[in-house]
Amino acid sequence: MTRRALLAWLETRRPAPPDVLRPCLAAAVDDADLPLPDHLALLGQRLLTRVAGRPAGGRELALDLLAADAFVTYAFEAQAEADVAGLAALAGRVGAGGGGGGGS
């Protein structure tokens, strides 16, 4: 999915993310040749990896952690909207640390 299409999809989410979180979400979005749920999960996993890579970090990592949580939550929302039967497979990919590649 393109960055532009993903940002447009994020704009449709209700409730909308808090204003303070929106720039962090937008900054993390990139293009990926993945189905929407996997793309979102990958973005969340990247942010979580960044946070985990700074064990001495403090409050400055809070928005990245919240954005990671938001992307993973959105991944499950997108999967449920596309094909609820794919939720278990997505959960398995997310739990294994491999957000991308499974499809819906």
C-alpha atoms as a PDB file:
ATOM      1  CA  MET A   1       0.000   0.000   0.000  1.00  0.00           C
ATOM      2  CA  THR A   2       1.252   3.474  -0.746  1.00  0.00           C
ATOM      3  CA  ARG A   3       2.020   5.964   1.975  1.00  0.00           C
ATOM      4  CA  ARG A   4      -0.663   8.282   0.634  1.00  0.00           C
ATOM      5  CA  ALA A   5      -3.336   5.550   0.642  1.00  0.00           C
ATOM      6  CA  LEU A   6      -2.398   4.436   4.140  1.00  0.00           C
ATOM      7  CA  LEU A   7      -2.514   7.987   5.494  1.00  0.00           C
ATOM      8  CA  ALA A   8      -5.962   8.406   3.893  1.00  0.00           C
ATOM      9  CA  TRP A   9      -7.100   5.151   5.546  1.00  0.00           C
ATOM     10  CA  LEU A  10      -5.829   6.353   8.922  1.00  0.00           C
ATOM     11  CA  GLU A  11      -7.869   9.545   8.510  1.00  0.00           C
ATOM     12  CA  THR A  12     -11.043   7.445   8.381  1.00  0.00           C
ATOM     13  CA  ARG A  13     -10.470   5.818  11.772  1.00  0.00           C
ATOM     14  CA  ARG A  14     -12.905   6.651  14.529  1.00  0.00           C
ATOM     15  CA  PRO A  15     -12.286   7.619  17.151  1.00  0.00           C
ATOM     16  CA  ALA A  16      -9.473   9.653  15.665  1.00  0.00           C
ATOM     17  CA  PRO A  17      -6.096   9.368  17.369  1.00  0.00           C
ATOM     18  CA  PRO A  18      -5.164  12.191  19.735  1.00  0.00           C
ATOM     19  CA  ASP A  19      -3.664  15.228  18.017  1.00  0.00           C
ATOM     20  CA  VAL A  20      -0.334  14.701  19.780  1.00  0.00           C
ATOM     21  CA  LEU A  21      -0.044  11.165  18.332  1.00  0.00           C
ATOM     22  CA  ARG A  22      -0.951  11.962  14.716  1.00  0.00           C
ATOM     23  CA  PRO A  23       2.475  13.312  13.652  1.00  0.00           C
ATOM     24  CA  CYS A  24       4.193  10.246  15.093  1.00  0.00           C
ATOM     25  CA  LEU A  25       1.861   7.945  13.174  1.00  0.00           C
ATOM     26  CA  ALA A  26       2.308   9.890   9.943  1.00  0.00           C
ATOM     27  CA  ALA A  27       6.097   9.959  10.289  1.00  0.00           C
ATOM     28  CA  ALA A  28       6.240   6.164  10.569  1.00  0.00           C
ATOM     29  CA  VAL A  29       4.146   5.467   7.457  1.00  0.00           C
ATOM     30  CA  ASP A  30       5.921   4.366   4.302  1.00  0.00           C
ATOM     31  CA  ASP A  31       5.149   2.463   1.111  1.00  0.00           C
ATOM     32  CA  ALA A  32       5.036  -1.317   1.339  1.00  0.00           C
ATOM     33  CA  ASP A  33       3.930  -4.007  -1.062  1.00  0.00           C
ATOM     34  CA  LEU A  34       1.832  -5.711   1.616  1.00  0.00           C
ATOM     35  CA  PRO A  35      -1.848  -6.123   2.381  1.00  0.00           C
ATOM     36  CA  LEU A  36      -3.099  -3.378   4.692  1.00  0.00           C
ATOM     37  CA  PRO A  37      -3.211  -5.481   7.892  1.00  0.00           C
ATOM     38  CA  ASP A  38       0.354  -6.701   7.395  1.00  0.00           C
ATOM     39  CA  HIS A  39       1.589  -3.233   6.489  1.00  0.00           C
ATOM     40  CA  LEU A  40       0.093  -1.790   9.666  1.00  0.00           C
ATOM     41  CA  ALA A  41       1.503  -4.612  11.791  1.00  0.00           C
ATOM     42  CA  LEU A  42       4.943  -4.089  10.259  1.00  0.00           C
ATOM     43  CA  LEU A  43       4.853  -0.384  11.092  1.00  0.00           C
ATOM     44  CA  GLY A  44       3.939  -1.214  14.678  1.00  0.00           C
ATOM     45  CA  GLN A  45       6.692  -3.779  14.949  1.00  0.00           C
ATOM     46  CA  ARG A  46       9.281  -1.343  13.582  1.00  0.00           C
ATOM     47  CA  LEU A  47       8.345   1.231  16.196  1.00  0.00           C
ATOM     48  CA  LEU A  48       8.371  -1.347  18.955  1.00  0.00           C
ATOM     49  CA  THR A  49      11.819  -2.511  17.844  1.00  0.00           C
ATOM     50  CA  ARG A  50      13.034   1.081  17.975  1.00  0.00           C
ATOM     51  CA  VAL A  51      11.683   1.485  21.505  1.00  0.00           C
ATOM     52  CA  ALA A  52      13.113  -1.856  22.641  1.00  0.00           C
ATOM     53  CA  GLY A  53      16.479  -0.887  21.176  1.00  0.00           C
ATOM     54  CA  ARG A  54      16.742   1.967  23.647  1.00  0.00           C
ATOM     55  CA  PRO A  55      16.403   0.270  27.048  1.00  0.00           C
ATOM     56  CA  ALA A  56      17.746   3.353  28.820  1.00  0.00           C
ATOM     57  CA  GLY A  57      15.146   5.540  27.108  1.00  0.00           C
ATOM     58  CA  GLY A  58      12.480   7.281  29.063  1.00  0.00           C
ATOM     59  CA  ARG A  59       9.470   9.416  28.422  1.00  0.00           C
ATOM     60  CA  GLU A  60      10.782  10.510  25.056  1.00  0.00           C
ATOM     61  CA  LEU A  61       9.856   7.049  23.774  1.00  0.00           C
ATOM     62  CA  ALA A  62       6.250   7.223  24.955  1.00  0.00           C
ATOM     63  CA  LEU A  63       4.789   8.447  21.656  1.00  0.00           C
ATOM     64  CA  ASP A  64       6.643   5.773  19.689  1.00  0.00           C
ATOM     65  CA  LEU A  65       5.287   3.130  22.041  1.00  0.00           C
ATOM     66  CA  LEU A  66       1.751   4.491  21.736  1.00  0.00           C
ATOM     67  CA  ALA A  67       2.091   4.640  17.952  1.00  0.00           C
ATOM     68  CA  ALA A  68       3.306   1.025  17.874  1.00  0.00           C
ATOM     69  CA  ASP A  69       0.251  -0.008  19.862  1.00  0.00           C
ATOM     70  CA  ALA A  70      -2.016   2.006  17.563  1.00  0.00           C
ATOM     71  CA  PHE A  71      -0.580   0.428  14.397  1.00  0.00           C
ATOM     72  CA  VAL A  72      -0.997  -3.108  15.727  1.00  0.00           C
ATOM     73  CA  THR A  73      -4.549  -2.310  16.827  1.00  0.00           C
ATOM     74  CA  TYR A  74      -5.279  -0.855  13.387  1.00  0.00           C
ATOM     75  CA  ALA A  75      -3.815  -4.000  11.809  1.00  0.00           C
ATOM     76  CA  PHE A  76      -6.420  -6.093  13.576  1.00  0.00           C
ATOM     77  CA  GLU A  77      -9.188  -3.631  12.668  1.00  0.00           C
ATOM     78  CA  ALA A  78      -8.154  -3.754   9.013  1.00  0.00           C
ATOM     79  CA  GLN A  79      -8.013  -7.548   9.060  1.00  0.00           C
ATOM     80  CA  ALA A  80     -11.453  -7.794  10.657  1.00  0.00           C
ATOM     81  CA  GLU A  81     -12.857  -5.457   8.011  1.00  0.00           C
ATOM     82  CA  ALA A  82     -11.235  -7.415   5.160  1.00  0.00           C
ATOM     83  CA  ASP A  83     -11.742 -10.983   6.386  1.00  0.00           C
ATOM     84  CA  VAL A  84     -12.453 -11.832  10.004  1.00  0.00           C
ATOM     85  CA  ALA A  85     -11.323 -15.412   9.373  1.00  0.00           C
ATOM     86  CA  GLY A  86      -7.771 -14.093   8.925  1.00  0.00           C
ATOM     87  CA  LEU A  87      -7.497 -12.705  12.455  1.00  0.00           C
ATOM     88  CA  ALA A  88      -5.886 -15.818  13.934  1.00  0.00           C
ATOM     89  CA  ALA A  89      -3.262 -15.946  11.191  1.00  0.00           C
ATOM     90  CA  LEU A  90      -2.487 -12.247  11.667  1.00  0.00           C
ATOM     91  CA  ALA A  91      -2.182 -12.785  15.421  1.00  0.00           C
ATOM     92  CA  GLY A  92       0.272 -15.582  14.754  1.00  0.00           C
ATOM     93  CA  ARG A  93       2.386 -13.395  12.452  1.00  0.00           C
ATOM     94  CA  VAL A  94       2.344 -10.481  14.878  1.00  0.00           C
ATOM     95  CA  GLY A  95       3.182 -12.745  17.820  1.00  0.00           C
ATOM     96  CA  ALA A  96       6.068 -14.256  15.899  1.00  0.00           C
ATOM     97  CA  GLY A  97       7.422 -10.796  15.087  1.00  0.00           C
ATOM     98  CA  GLY A  98       6.711 -11.111  11.360  1.00  0.00           C
ATOM     99  CA  GLY A  99       3.998  -8.632  10.463  1.00  0.00           C
ATOM    100  CA  GLY A 100       4.343  -8.869   6.735  1.00  0.00           C
ATOM    101  CA  GLY A 101       3.695 -11.393   4.123  1.00  0.00           C
ATOM    102  CA  GLY A 102       0.624 -13.391   5.011  1.00  0.00           C
ATOM    103  CA  GLY A 103      -2.227 -11.684   3.214  1.00  0.00           C
ATOM    104  CA  SER A 104      -5.834 -11.569   4.207  1.00  0.00           C
END
